[in-house]
Amino acid sequence: MQVDEEYYGQSRVCSMTPTEFELHCMEILRGYAEEEKLPEFKIEHDVKLTASDGTYQIDVYATYTALGAEMKSLAECKQFSSTVKRDYVVLLADKVRSLGAQKGILLSTAGFQSGAIQFAEKHGIALIQVFDTRVNWYSHSSGPDAEIPEDDPFTYGERHLPVFQAQLIKPNVEYQRSVYPTRAMVEKVQKEVDILFQKKYGRKAFQTTDEDSGEENT
């Protein structure tokens, strides 16, 4: 199945060099590890690991400690313009077994075919789609040369959150879990936007309303 590049924002992620994309995937995984508070987390790019059946090149290699033991994760980054086939997930699962790793992670710019998702679910491989659903922050202005103040509260969030996003892909799930930007990143920007709204409009942008009482909760 061909993927609509405009819809999934692939025009940006696919325009990166392979190395740039791999480094970005590394930051996504680093952010996820910080969110999950993985102890003694370490991450490396472009690593060669040797097993009994040969040497493997790994795009991103991460380790952390759990129950006193080192946990190893192998990540492969696929900068594709069409959905990833099952074969790529099988190859990663084979690497995980050969190298005695505990986790395999496959990140893609274009999503995954149903067979790939089903195989990954059964064999403990995490699938992450990297994409950009953001429009350019000047899309509703007079154009890219329009002057928008740095403290403009309506565009601040778009300009200060990471350009790319990532979701954990699971079978038979209507809404996939977002893993990047992290909750901490989003909450930080929301607080900054609230401050800007408070200064300009006298209220917060993300305040909630008690519908029953008609009162606002700040």
N, C-alpha and C. Protein backbone atom coordinates (compact mmCIF):
# COMPACT_ATOMS: atom_id res chain seq x y z
N MET A 1 0.84 -1.19 0.00
CA MET A 1 0.00 0.00 0.00
C MET A 1 0.88 1.25 0.00
N GLN A 2 0.64 2.16 -0.93
CA GLN A 2 1.39 3.39 -0.98
C GLN A 2 0.88 4.35 0.11
N VAL A 3 1.77 5.11 0.67
CA VAL A 3 1.41 6.03 1.73
C VAL A 3 1.36 7.45 1.19
N ASP A 4 0.37 8.19 1.61
CA ASP A 4 0.24 9.58 1.21
C ASP A 4 1.29 10.40 1.95
N GLU A 5 2.34 10.83 1.25
CA GLU A 5 3.45 11.50 1.91
C GLU A 5 3.04 12.82 2.54
N GLU A 6 2.09 13.54 1.93
CA GLU A 6 1.65 14.79 2.52
C GLU A 6 0.96 14.54 3.84
N TYR A 7 0.10 13.48 3.86
CA TYR A 7 -0.68 13.20 5.08
C TYR A 7 0.23 12.81 6.23
N TYR A 8 1.18 11.92 5.96
CA TYR A 8 2.05 11.44 7.02
C TYR A 8 3.28 12.32 7.23
N GLY A 9 3.42 13.39 6.44
CA GLY A 9 4.54 14.28 6.65
C GLY A 9 5.86 13.68 6.24
N GLN A 10 5.86 12.74 5.29
CA GLN A 10 7.10 12.08 4.91
C GLN A 10 8.03 12.98 4.12
N SER A 11 7.49 14.07 3.57
CA SER A 11 8.34 14.96 2.79
C SER A 11 9.51 15.46 3.63
N ARG A 12 9.30 15.60 4.95
CA ARG A 12 10.39 16.05 5.82
C ARG A 12 11.27 14.89 6.26
N VAL A 13 10.67 13.84 6.79
CA VAL A 13 11.49 12.76 7.31
C VAL A 13 12.26 12.04 6.21
N CYS A 14 11.69 11.99 5.00
CA CYS A 14 12.38 11.32 3.90
C CYS A 14 13.42 12.20 3.24
N SER A 15 13.39 13.50 3.54
CA SER A 15 14.39 14.39 2.96
C SER A 15 15.66 14.43 3.81
N MET A 16 15.61 13.85 5.00
CA MET A 16 16.80 13.77 5.84
C MET A 16 17.77 12.76 5.25
N THR A 17 19.05 12.91 5.56
CA THR A 17 20.01 11.87 5.17
C THR A 17 19.77 10.66 6.06
N PRO A 18 20.20 9.46 5.65
CA PRO A 18 20.03 8.27 6.50
C PRO A 18 20.63 8.46 7.89
N THR A 19 21.80 9.08 7.95
CA THR A 19 22.43 9.30 9.26
C THR A 19 21.62 10.25 10.11
N GLU A 20 21.10 11.32 9.52
CA GLU A 20 20.26 12.27 10.26
C GLU A 20 19.02 11.58 10.80
N PHE A 21 18.41 10.73 9.98
CA PHE A 21 17.22 10.03 10.43
C PHE A 21 17.54 9.09 11.59
N GLU A 22 18.64 8.36 11.49
CA GLU A 22 19.04 7.45 12.57
C GLU A 22 19.31 8.21 13.86
N LEU A 23 19.96 9.36 13.76
CA LEU A 23 20.23 10.17 14.96
C LEU A 23 18.94 10.71 15.55
N HIS A 24 17.98 11.05 14.69
CA HIS A 24 16.70 11.50 15.20
C HIS A 24 15.97 10.36 15.91
N CYS A 25 16.03 9.16 15.32
CA CYS A 25 15.42 7.99 15.98
C CYS A 25 16.06 7.74 17.34
N MET A 26 17.36 7.98 17.42
CA MET A 26 18.07 7.81 18.69
C MET A 26 17.52 8.78 19.74
N GLU A 27 17.20 10.01 19.33
CA GLU A 27 16.64 10.98 20.26
C GLU A 27 15.23 10.59 20.70
N ILE A 28 14.47 9.99 19.80
CA ILE A 28 13.14 9.50 20.16
C ILE A 28 13.25 8.44 21.24
N LEU A 29 14.18 7.51 21.07
CA LEU A 29 14.37 6.43 22.05
C LEU A 29 14.94 6.96 23.36
N ARG A 30 15.82 7.95 23.27
CA ARG A 30 16.35 8.57 24.48
C ARG A 30 15.23 9.24 25.27
N GLY A 31 14.34 9.94 24.55
CA GLY A 31 13.21 10.59 25.21
C GLY A 31 12.29 9.58 25.86
N TYR A 32 12.04 8.47 25.17
CA TYR A 32 11.18 7.41 25.72
C TYR A 32 11.80 6.83 26.99
N ALA A 33 13.13 6.62 26.97
CA ALA A 33 13.82 6.06 28.15
C ALA A 33 13.74 7.01 29.34
N GLU A 34 13.86 8.30 29.08
CA GLU A 34 13.75 9.29 30.15
C GLU A 34 12.33 9.30 30.72
N GLU A 35 11.35 9.19 29.83
CA GLU A 35 9.95 9.17 30.27
C GLU A 35 9.68 7.96 31.16
N GLU A 36 10.25 6.81 30.78
CA GLU A 36 10.05 5.57 31.53
C GLU A 36 11.01 5.43 32.70
N LYS A 37 11.96 6.39 32.82
CA LYS A 37 12.95 6.39 33.91
C LYS A 37 13.75 5.07 33.95
N LEU A 38 14.24 4.66 32.78
CA LEU A 38 15.04 3.43 32.71
C LEU A 38 16.39 3.67 33.38
N PRO A 39 16.76 2.85 34.35
CA PRO A 39 18.01 3.07 35.09
C PRO A 39 19.26 2.76 34.25
N GLU A 40 20.29 3.56 34.45
CA GLU A 40 21.59 3.37 33.79
C GLU A 40 21.44 3.23 32.27
N PHE A 41 20.60 4.05 31.71
CA PHE A 41 20.33 3.98 30.27
C PHE A 41 21.50 4.56 29.48
N LYS A 42 21.93 3.82 28.47
CA LYS A 42 22.99 4.26 27.56
C LYS A 42 22.55 3.96 26.13
N ILE A 43 22.92 4.84 25.21
CA ILE A 43 22.50 4.65 23.82
C ILE A 43 23.62 5.04 22.87
N GLU A 44 23.79 4.26 21.79
CA GLU A 44 24.85 4.50 20.82
C GLU A 44 24.31 4.40 19.40
N HIS A 45 24.99 5.07 18.50
CA HIS A 45 24.61 5.06 17.09
C HIS A 45 25.62 4.27 16.26
N ASP A 46 25.11 3.49 15.29
CA ASP A 46 25.94 2.77 14.31
C ASP A 46 26.98 1.89 15.00
N VAL A 47 26.48 0.83 15.62
CA VAL A 47 27.34 -0.07 16.40
C VAL A 47 27.47 -1.41 15.69
N LYS A 48 28.65 -2.02 15.76
CA LYS A 48 28.86 -3.37 15.25
C LYS A 48 28.98 -4.33 16.42
N LEU A 49 28.12 -5.35 16.43
CA LEU A 49 28.10 -6.34 17.51
C LEU A 49 28.37 -7.72 16.92
N THR A 50 29.15 -8.52 17.64
CA THR A 50 29.54 -9.84 17.15
C THR A 50 28.81 -10.94 17.90
N ALA A 51 28.27 -11.88 17.13
CA ALA A 51 27.61 -13.07 17.69
C ALA A 51 28.33 -14.31 17.15
N SER A 52 27.89 -15.47 17.57
CA SER A 52 28.53 -16.71 17.12
C SER A 52 28.37 -16.93 15.63
N ASP A 53 27.35 -16.34 15.03
CA ASP A 53 27.12 -16.54 13.60
C ASP A 53 27.54 -15.34 12.74
N GLY A 54 28.29 -14.40 13.34
CA GLY A 54 28.79 -13.29 12.54
C GLY A 54 28.67 -11.95 13.23
N THR A 55 29.04 -10.89 12.49
CA THR A 55 29.00 -9.52 13.01
C THR A 55 27.82 -8.78 12.40
N TYR A 56 27.10 -8.04 13.25
CA TYR A 56 25.91 -7.31 12.81
C TYR A 56 26.10 -5.81 13.01
N GLN A 57 25.66 -5.05 12.01
CA GLN A 57 25.63 -3.59 12.15
C GLN A 57 24.27 -3.21 12.70
N ILE A 58 24.27 -2.41 13.77
CA ILE A 58 23.03 -2.00 14.43
C ILE A 58 22.92 -0.48 14.35
N ASP A 59 21.78 0.00 13.84
CA ASP A 59 21.60 1.45 13.69
C ASP A 59 21.68 2.17 15.03
N VAL A 60 20.92 1.68 16.01
CA VAL A 60 20.91 2.28 17.34
C VAL A 60 20.92 1.15 18.37
N TYR A 61 21.85 1.22 19.32
CA TYR A 61 22.01 0.18 20.34
C TYR A 61 21.85 0.83 21.71
N ALA A 62 20.98 0.27 22.53
CA ALA A 62 20.72 0.85 23.85
C ALA A 62 20.79 -0.23 24.93
N THR A 63 21.23 0.18 26.11
CA THR A 63 21.25 -0.73 27.26
C THR A 63 20.71 0.00 28.49
N TYR A 64 20.14 -0.77 29.40
CA TYR A 64 19.74 -0.25 30.69
C TYR A 64 19.74 -1.41 31.68
N THR A 65 19.58 -1.10 32.95
CA THR A 65 19.64 -2.13 33.99
C THR A 65 18.25 -2.41 34.55
N ALA A 66 17.94 -3.69 34.70
CA ALA A 66 16.68 -4.11 35.32
C ALA A 66 16.95 -5.34 36.18
N LEU A 67 16.55 -5.27 37.43
CA LEU A 67 16.76 -6.38 38.37
C LEU A 67 18.22 -6.80 38.42
N GLY A 68 19.12 -5.82 38.32
CA GLY A 68 20.54 -6.09 38.43
C GLY A 68 21.20 -6.64 37.17
N ALA A 69 20.42 -6.79 36.10
CA ALA A 69 20.96 -7.34 34.86
C ALA A 69 20.91 -6.29 33.74
N GLU A 70 21.87 -6.40 32.82
CA GLU A 70 21.88 -5.47 31.69
C GLU A 70 20.90 -5.93 30.61
N MET A 71 20.02 -5.04 30.22
CA MET A 71 19.06 -5.30 29.16
C MET A 71 19.53 -4.64 27.87
N LYS A 72 19.56 -5.39 26.78
CA LYS A 72 20.06 -4.87 25.50
C LYS A 72 18.91 -4.71 24.51
N SER A 73 18.87 -3.56 23.84
CA SER A 73 17.86 -3.29 22.82
C SER A 73 18.53 -2.92 21.50
N LEU A 74 18.02 -3.49 20.41
CA LEU A 74 18.53 -3.22 19.07
C LEU A 74 17.46 -2.47 18.29
N ALA A 75 17.84 -1.36 17.66
CA ALA A 75 16.88 -0.58 16.89
C ALA A 75 17.36 -0.44 15.45
N GLU A 76 16.43 -0.68 14.52
CA GLU A 76 16.69 -0.50 13.10
C GLU A 76 15.82 0.65 12.60
N CYS A 77 16.38 1.51 11.75
CA CYS A 77 15.68 2.71 11.28
C CYS A 77 15.46 2.60 9.77
N LYS A 78 14.20 2.56 9.35
CA LYS A 78 13.86 2.38 7.94
C LYS A 78 13.22 3.66 7.39
N GLN A 79 13.97 4.34 6.55
CA GLN A 79 13.52 5.59 5.95
C GLN A 79 12.88 5.29 4.60
N PHE A 80 11.67 4.70 4.68
CA PHE A 80 10.98 4.21 3.48
C PHE A 80 9.86 5.16 3.06
N SER A 81 9.45 5.04 1.79
CA SER A 81 8.29 5.78 1.30
C SER A 81 7.08 4.88 1.15
N SER A 82 7.23 3.59 1.47
CA SER A 82 6.09 2.66 1.46
C SER A 82 6.18 1.80 2.72
N THR A 83 5.07 1.21 3.10
CA THR A 83 5.00 0.49 4.37
C THR A 83 6.00 -0.66 4.45
N VAL A 84 6.49 -0.89 5.65
CA VAL A 84 7.51 -1.92 5.89
C VAL A 84 6.89 -3.32 5.84
N LYS A 85 7.56 -4.21 5.12
CA LYS A 85 7.07 -5.58 4.98
C LYS A 85 7.48 -6.45 6.16
N ARG A 86 6.82 -7.56 6.29
CA ARG A 86 7.07 -8.52 7.38
C ARG A 86 8.53 -8.98 7.39
N ASP A 87 9.14 -9.13 6.21
CA ASP A 87 10.51 -9.65 6.13
C ASP A 87 11.49 -8.84 6.96
N TYR A 88 11.31 -7.52 7.00
CA TYR A 88 12.24 -6.67 7.76
C TYR A 88 12.11 -6.91 9.26
N VAL A 89 10.90 -7.19 9.71
CA VAL A 89 10.68 -7.48 11.13
C VAL A 89 11.28 -8.84 11.47
N VAL A 90 11.15 -9.81 10.57
CA VAL A 90 11.73 -11.14 10.78
C VAL A 90 13.25 -11.04 10.90
N LEU A 91 13.88 -10.24 10.03
CA LEU A 91 15.33 -10.07 10.08
C LEU A 91 15.78 -9.46 11.40
N LEU A 92 15.02 -8.48 11.90
CA LEU A 92 15.37 -7.88 13.18
C LEU A 92 15.21 -8.88 14.31
N ALA A 93 14.15 -9.67 14.27
CA ALA A 93 13.94 -10.70 15.30
C ALA A 93 15.09 -11.70 15.30
N ASP A 94 15.60 -12.04 14.13
CA ASP A 94 16.75 -12.95 14.03
C ASP A 94 18.00 -12.33 14.67
N LYS A 95 18.21 -11.03 14.44
CA LYS A 95 19.36 -10.34 15.05
C LYS A 95 19.25 -10.34 16.57
N VAL A 96 18.04 -10.10 17.06
CA VAL A 96 17.81 -10.08 18.51
C VAL A 96 18.18 -11.42 19.12
N ARG A 97 17.76 -12.51 18.47
CA ARG A 97 18.08 -13.85 18.97
C ARG A 97 19.57 -14.13 18.90
N SER A 98 20.19 -13.83 17.78
CA SER A 98 21.62 -14.12 17.60
C SER A 98 22.49 -13.37 18.60
N LEU A 99 22.13 -12.13 18.89
CA LEU A 99 22.95 -11.29 19.77
C LEU A 99 22.53 -11.38 21.24
N GLY A 100 21.52 -12.18 21.52
CA GLY A 100 21.08 -12.34 22.91
C GLY A 100 20.51 -11.07 23.50
N ALA A 101 19.90 -10.26 22.67
CA ALA A 101 19.29 -9.03 23.15
C ALA A 101 17.90 -9.32 23.72
N GLN A 102 17.41 -8.37 24.50
CA GLN A 102 16.08 -8.55 25.11
C GLN A 102 14.96 -7.87 24.31
N LYS A 103 15.33 -6.91 23.44
CA LYS A 103 14.29 -6.16 22.73
C LYS A 103 14.77 -5.71 21.36
N GLY A 104 13.85 -5.78 20.41
CA GLY A 104 14.09 -5.24 19.07
C GLY A 104 13.08 -4.14 18.80
N ILE A 105 13.55 -3.06 18.17
CA ILE A 105 12.69 -1.92 17.88
C ILE A 105 12.91 -1.53 16.43
N LEU A 106 11.83 -1.41 15.67
CA LEU A 106 11.94 -1.01 14.27
C LEU A 106 11.19 0.30 14.08
N LEU A 107 11.92 1.34 13.65
CA LEU A 107 11.32 2.66 13.42
C LEU A 107 11.23 2.90 11.93
N SER A 108 10.08 3.40 11.48
CA SER A 108 9.85 3.59 10.05
C SER A 108 9.17 4.92 9.78
N THR A 109 9.45 5.47 8.60
CA THR A 109 8.79 6.72 8.18
C THR A 109 7.42 6.47 7.55
N ALA A 110 7.11 5.21 7.23
CA ALA A 110 5.91 4.97 6.43
C ALA A 110 4.96 3.92 7.00
N GLY A 111 5.11 3.58 8.25
CA GLY A 111 4.21 2.59 8.82
C GLY A 111 4.58 1.17 8.43
N PHE A 112 3.67 0.23 8.72
CA PHE A 112 3.97 -1.19 8.59
C PHE A 112 2.79 -1.94 7.98
N GLN A 113 3.08 -2.95 7.19
CA GLN A 113 2.04 -3.79 6.64
C GLN A 113 1.45 -4.65 7.77
N SER A 114 0.24 -5.13 7.57
CA SER A 114 -0.46 -5.89 8.62
C SER A 114 0.32 -7.12 9.05
N GLY A 115 0.95 -7.81 8.09
CA GLY A 115 1.74 -9.00 8.44
C GLY A 115 2.92 -8.66 9.32
N ALA A 116 3.53 -7.50 9.07
CA ALA A 116 4.66 -7.05 9.89
C ALA A 116 4.20 -6.75 11.32
N ILE A 117 3.02 -6.12 11.44
CA ILE A 117 2.49 -5.78 12.76
C ILE A 117 2.14 -7.04 13.55
N GLN A 118 1.52 -8.00 12.90
CA GLN A 118 1.14 -9.25 13.58
C GLN A 118 2.38 -10.03 14.03
N PHE A 119 3.38 -10.12 13.15
CA PHE A 119 4.61 -10.85 13.51
C PHE A 119 5.31 -10.15 14.68
N ALA A 120 5.39 -8.83 14.62
CA ALA A 120 6.05 -8.07 15.68
C ALA A 120 5.37 -8.29 17.02
N GLU A 121 4.04 -8.31 17.03
CA GLU A 121 3.29 -8.50 18.26
C GLU A 121 3.59 -9.86 18.88
N LYS A 122 3.68 -10.89 18.05
CA LYS A 122 3.92 -12.26 18.55
C LYS A 122 5.35 -12.49 19.00
N HIS A 123 6.29 -11.70 18.45
CA HIS A 123 7.70 -11.94 18.75
C HIS A 123 8.36 -10.81 19.55
N GLY A 124 7.54 -9.94 20.12
CA GLY A 124 8.06 -8.93 21.03
C GLY A 124 8.88 -7.83 20.40
N ILE A 125 8.62 -7.53 19.12
CA ILE A 125 9.32 -6.45 18.45
C ILE A 125 8.46 -5.19 18.51
N ALA A 126 9.03 -4.09 18.96
CA ALA A 126 8.29 -2.82 19.03
C ALA A 126 8.37 -2.11 17.68
N LEU A 127 7.24 -1.63 17.21
CA LEU A 127 7.18 -0.89 15.95
C LEU A 127 6.83 0.57 16.23
N ILE A 128 7.62 1.48 15.68
CA ILE A 128 7.39 2.90 15.89
C ILE A 128 7.36 3.62 14.55
N GLN A 129 6.30 4.38 14.31
CA GLN A 129 6.22 5.18 13.10
C GLN A 129 6.63 6.61 13.40
N VAL A 130 7.55 7.13 12.60
CA VAL A 130 8.03 8.49 12.75
C VAL A 130 7.41 9.33 11.63
N PHE A 131 6.81 10.45 11.99
CA PHE A 131 6.13 11.25 10.98
C PHE A 131 6.05 12.70 11.42
N ASP A 132 5.55 13.53 10.55
CA ASP A 132 5.38 14.95 10.84
C ASP A 132 4.00 15.37 10.36
N THR A 133 3.09 15.56 11.28
CA THR A 133 1.74 15.97 10.89
C THR A 133 1.55 17.47 11.02
N ARG A 134 2.61 18.16 11.39
CA ARG A 134 2.50 19.60 11.58
C ARG A 134 2.57 20.34 10.26
N VAL A 135 1.73 21.33 10.12
CA VAL A 135 1.86 22.24 8.99
C VAL A 135 2.89 23.29 9.39
N ASN A 136 3.46 23.97 8.42
CA ASN A 136 4.39 25.05 8.74
C ASN A 136 3.68 26.09 9.57
N TRP A 137 4.40 26.64 10.55
CA TRP A 137 3.75 27.55 11.50
C TRP A 137 3.20 28.80 10.86
N TYR A 138 3.64 29.13 9.64
CA TYR A 138 3.13 30.32 8.97
C TYR A 138 1.98 30.01 8.01
N SER A 139 1.45 28.80 8.06
CA SER A 139 0.47 28.38 7.06
C SER A 139 -0.78 29.24 7.01
N HIS A 140 -1.16 29.82 8.15
CA HIS A 140 -2.38 30.65 8.17
C HIS A 140 -2.05 32.14 8.19
N SER A 141 -0.78 32.46 7.95
CA SER A 141 -0.41 33.87 7.88
C SER A 141 -0.31 34.25 6.41
N SER A 142 0.36 35.34 6.14
CA SER A 142 0.46 35.80 4.76
C SER A 142 1.59 35.14 4.01
N GLY A 143 2.29 34.18 4.65
CA GLY A 143 3.36 33.47 3.96
C GLY A 143 4.58 33.32 4.83
N PRO A 144 5.63 32.65 4.33
CA PRO A 144 6.81 32.36 5.13
C PRO A 144 7.58 33.60 5.56
N ASP A 145 7.36 34.74 4.86
CA ASP A 145 8.09 35.95 5.21
C ASP A 145 7.32 36.83 6.20
N ALA A 146 6.12 36.40 6.56
CA ALA A 146 5.33 37.19 7.50
C ALA A 146 6.01 37.20 8.86
N GLU A 147 5.99 38.35 9.50
CA GLU A 147 6.64 38.50 10.80
C GLU A 147 5.67 38.10 11.89
N ILE A 148 5.99 37.02 12.59
CA ILE A 148 5.17 36.59 13.73
C ILE A 148 6.05 36.69 14.97
N PRO A 149 5.61 37.40 15.98
CA PRO A 149 6.44 37.59 17.18
C PRO A 149 6.80 36.26 17.84
N GLU A 150 7.98 36.23 18.42
CA GLU A 150 8.44 35.03 19.11
C GLU A 150 7.48 34.63 20.22
N ASP A 151 6.84 35.61 20.86
CA ASP A 151 5.95 35.31 21.97
C ASP A 151 4.48 35.19 21.55
N ASP A 152 4.22 35.01 20.26
CA ASP A 152 2.84 34.81 19.80
C ASP A 152 2.31 33.50 20.38
N PRO A 153 1.28 33.53 21.22
CA PRO A 153 0.84 32.31 21.91
C PRO A 153 0.20 31.27 21.00
N PHE A 154 -0.33 31.70 19.84
CA PHE A 154 -1.01 30.76 18.95
C PHE A 154 -0.03 29.89 18.16
N THR A 155 1.17 30.38 17.93
CA THR A 155 2.15 29.61 17.14
C THR A 155 3.31 29.12 17.99
N TYR A 156 3.37 29.53 19.25
CA TYR A 156 4.50 29.18 20.11
C TYR A 156 4.67 27.67 20.25
N GLY A 157 3.56 26.97 20.47
CA GLY A 157 3.63 25.52 20.66
C GLY A 157 4.21 24.81 19.45
N GLU A 158 3.73 25.18 18.26
CA GLU A 158 4.23 24.55 17.04
C GLU A 158 5.72 24.79 16.84
N ARG A 159 6.16 26.01 17.22
CA ARG A 159 7.54 26.37 16.96
C ARG A 159 8.51 25.84 18.01
N HIS A 160 8.00 25.40 19.16
CA HIS A 160 8.88 24.98 20.24
C HIS A 160 8.79 23.49 20.59
N LEU A 161 7.84 22.79 20.01
CA LEU A 161 7.82 21.33 20.16
C LEU A 161 8.69 20.72 19.06
N PRO A 162 9.17 19.48 19.26
CA PRO A 162 9.97 18.83 18.21
C PRO A 162 9.20 18.78 16.89
N VAL A 163 9.92 18.90 15.80
CA VAL A 163 9.30 18.90 14.47
C VAL A 163 8.65 17.56 14.16
N PHE A 164 9.29 16.47 14.57
CA PHE A 164 8.79 15.14 14.24
C PHE A 164 8.09 14.50 15.43
N GLN A 165 7.19 13.59 15.12
CA GLN A 165 6.45 12.86 16.14
C GLN A 165 6.62 11.36 15.92
N ALA A 166 6.28 10.58 16.93
CA ALA A 166 6.41 9.13 16.80
C ALA A 166 5.30 8.44 17.58
N GLN A 167 4.79 7.35 17.00
CA GLN A 167 3.75 6.56 17.65
C GLN A 167 4.16 5.10 17.70
N LEU A 168 3.80 4.45 18.80
CA LEU A 168 4.00 3.01 18.95
C LEU A 168 2.85 2.30 18.26
N ILE A 169 3.17 1.44 17.29
CA ILE A 169 2.13 0.79 16.48
C ILE A 169 1.77 -0.58 17.04
N LYS A 170 0.48 -0.77 17.31
CA LYS A 170 -0.03 -2.04 17.83
C LYS A 170 -1.18 -2.51 16.95
N PRO A 171 -1.42 -3.83 16.88
CA PRO A 171 -2.54 -4.32 16.06
C PRO A 171 -3.88 -4.05 16.74
N ASN A 172 -4.90 -3.82 15.92
CA ASN A 172 -6.28 -3.69 16.41
C ASN A 172 -6.46 -2.59 17.45
N VAL A 173 -5.74 -1.50 17.26
CA VAL A 173 -5.85 -0.36 18.17
C VAL A 173 -6.28 0.85 17.35
N GLU A 174 -7.37 1.49 17.75
CA GLU A 174 -7.87 2.63 16.97
C GLU A 174 -6.96 3.84 17.09
N TYR A 175 -6.51 4.11 18.32
CA TYR A 175 -5.63 5.26 18.55
C TYR A 175 -4.29 4.76 19.08
N GLN A 176 -3.25 4.93 18.28
CA GLN A 176 -1.92 4.46 18.67
C GLN A 176 -1.31 5.40 19.72
N ARG A 177 -0.47 4.82 20.57
CA ARG A 177 0.14 5.59 21.65
C ARG A 177 1.27 6.48 21.13
N SER A 178 1.22 7.75 21.48
CA SER A 178 2.29 8.67 21.10
C SER A 178 3.46 8.50 22.07
N VAL A 179 4.67 8.38 21.53
CA VAL A 179 5.85 8.24 22.39
C VAL A 179 6.82 9.41 22.25
N TYR A 180 6.56 10.29 21.26
CA TYR A 180 7.43 11.45 21.06
C TYR A 180 6.66 12.52 20.31
N PRO A 181 6.69 13.77 20.78
CA PRO A 181 7.40 14.25 21.95
C PRO A 181 6.85 13.66 23.23
N THR A 182 7.66 13.62 24.27
CA THR A 182 7.27 13.01 25.53
C THR A 182 6.27 13.91 26.26
N ARG A 183 5.63 13.32 27.25
CA ARG A 183 4.68 14.11 28.06
C ARG A 183 5.38 15.31 28.70
N ALA A 184 6.61 15.10 29.16
CA ALA A 184 7.36 16.18 29.81
C ALA A 184 7.61 17.34 28.84
N MET A 185 7.95 17.01 27.59
CA MET A 185 8.17 18.05 26.57
C MET A 185 6.89 18.84 26.32
N VAL A 186 5.78 18.12 26.16
CA VAL A 186 4.50 18.77 25.87
C VAL A 186 4.05 19.64 27.04
N GLU A 187 4.17 19.12 28.27
CA GLU A 187 3.74 19.87 29.45
C GLU A 187 4.57 21.14 29.63
N LYS A 188 5.86 21.06 29.34
CA LYS A 188 6.72 22.24 29.45
C LYS A 188 6.26 23.35 28.51
N VAL A 189 5.98 22.98 27.25
CA VAL A 189 5.55 23.96 26.27
C VAL A 189 4.16 24.49 26.63
N GLN A 190 3.27 23.62 27.12
CA GLN A 190 1.93 24.08 27.52
C GLN A 190 2.01 25.12 28.63
N LYS A 191 2.91 24.93 29.58
CA LYS A 191 3.07 25.91 30.66
C LYS A 191 3.57 27.24 30.11
N GLU A 192 4.49 27.18 29.14
CA GLU A 192 5.01 28.41 28.54
C GLU A 192 3.92 29.13 27.75
N VAL A 193 3.08 28.36 27.04
CA VAL A 193 1.97 28.97 26.30
C VAL A 193 0.98 29.59 27.27
N ASP A 194 0.71 28.92 28.39
CA ASP A 194 -0.20 29.47 29.40
C ASP A 194 0.29 30.83 29.90
N ILE A 195 1.59 30.94 30.12
CA ILE A 195 2.15 32.21 30.60
C ILE A 195 1.94 33.31 29.57
N LEU A 196 2.16 32.98 28.29
CA LEU A 196 1.97 33.96 27.22
C LEU A 196 0.51 34.39 27.11
N PHE A 197 -0.42 33.41 27.21
CA PHE A 197 -1.85 33.72 27.15
C PHE A 197 -2.26 34.59 28.34
N GLN A 198 -1.72 34.26 29.50
CA GLN A 198 -2.05 35.01 30.71
C GLN A 198 -1.64 36.47 30.56
N LYS A 199 -0.45 36.68 29.99
CA LYS A 199 0.03 38.05 29.81
C LYS A 199 -0.80 38.81 28.79
N LYS A 200 -1.20 38.12 27.72
CA LYS A 200 -1.87 38.81 26.61
C LYS A 200 -3.38 38.89 26.77
N TYR A 201 -4.00 37.81 27.32
CA TYR A 201 -5.47 37.75 27.36
C TYR A 201 -6.03 37.62 28.77
N GLY A 202 -5.15 37.53 29.77
CA GLY A 202 -5.63 37.44 31.14
C GLY A 202 -6.19 36.09 31.53
N ARG A 203 -5.91 35.07 30.76
CA ARG A 203 -6.35 33.72 31.10
C ARG A 203 -5.37 32.71 30.52
N LYS A 204 -5.47 31.48 31.01
CA LYS A 204 -4.61 30.42 30.52
C LYS A 204 -5.18 29.79 29.26
N ALA A 205 -4.31 29.25 28.41
CA ALA A 205 -4.76 28.59 27.18
C ALA A 205 -5.31 27.21 27.46
N PHE A 206 -4.77 26.53 28.49
CA PHE A 206 -5.13 25.13 28.74
C PHE A 206 -5.93 24.94 30.02
N GLN A 207 -6.60 26.00 30.50
CA GLN A 207 -7.42 25.87 31.68
C GLN A 207 -8.65 25.01 31.37
N THR A 208 -9.17 24.32 32.37
CA THR A 208 -10.34 23.46 32.19
C THR A 208 -11.59 24.16 32.71
N THR A 209 -12.71 23.72 32.21
CA THR A 209 -13.99 24.33 32.62
C THR A 209 -14.87 23.29 33.30
N ASP A 210 -15.41 23.63 34.43
CA ASP A 210 -16.37 22.77 35.13
C ASP A 210 -17.74 23.02 34.53
N GLU A 211 -18.20 22.13 33.66
CA GLU A 211 -19.45 22.35 32.93
C GLU A 211 -20.65 22.36 33.87
N ASP A 212 -20.52 21.59 34.96
CA ASP A 212 -21.68 21.50 35.85
C ASP A 212 -21.91 22.81 36.61
N SER A 213 -20.83 23.41 37.09
CA SER A 213 -20.99 24.60 37.90
C SER A 213 -20.85 25.88 37.10
N GLY A 214 -20.31 25.73 35.86
CA GLY A 214 -20.09 26.92 35.03
C GLY A 214 -18.87 27.69 35.45
N GLU A 215 -18.07 27.13 36.41
CA GLU A 215 -16.87 27.81 36.87
C GLU A 215 -15.65 27.23 36.20
N GLU A 216 -14.64 28.07 36.04
CA GLU A 216 -13.39 27.66 35.43
C GLU A 216 -12.41 27.19 36.50
N ASN A 217 -11.69 26.08 36.16
CA ASN A 217 -10.65 25.59 37.05
C ASN A 217 -9.31 25.96 36.46
N THR A 218 -8.52 26.69 37.19
CA THR A 218 -7.22 27.10 36.68
C THR A 218 -6.11 26.31 37.34
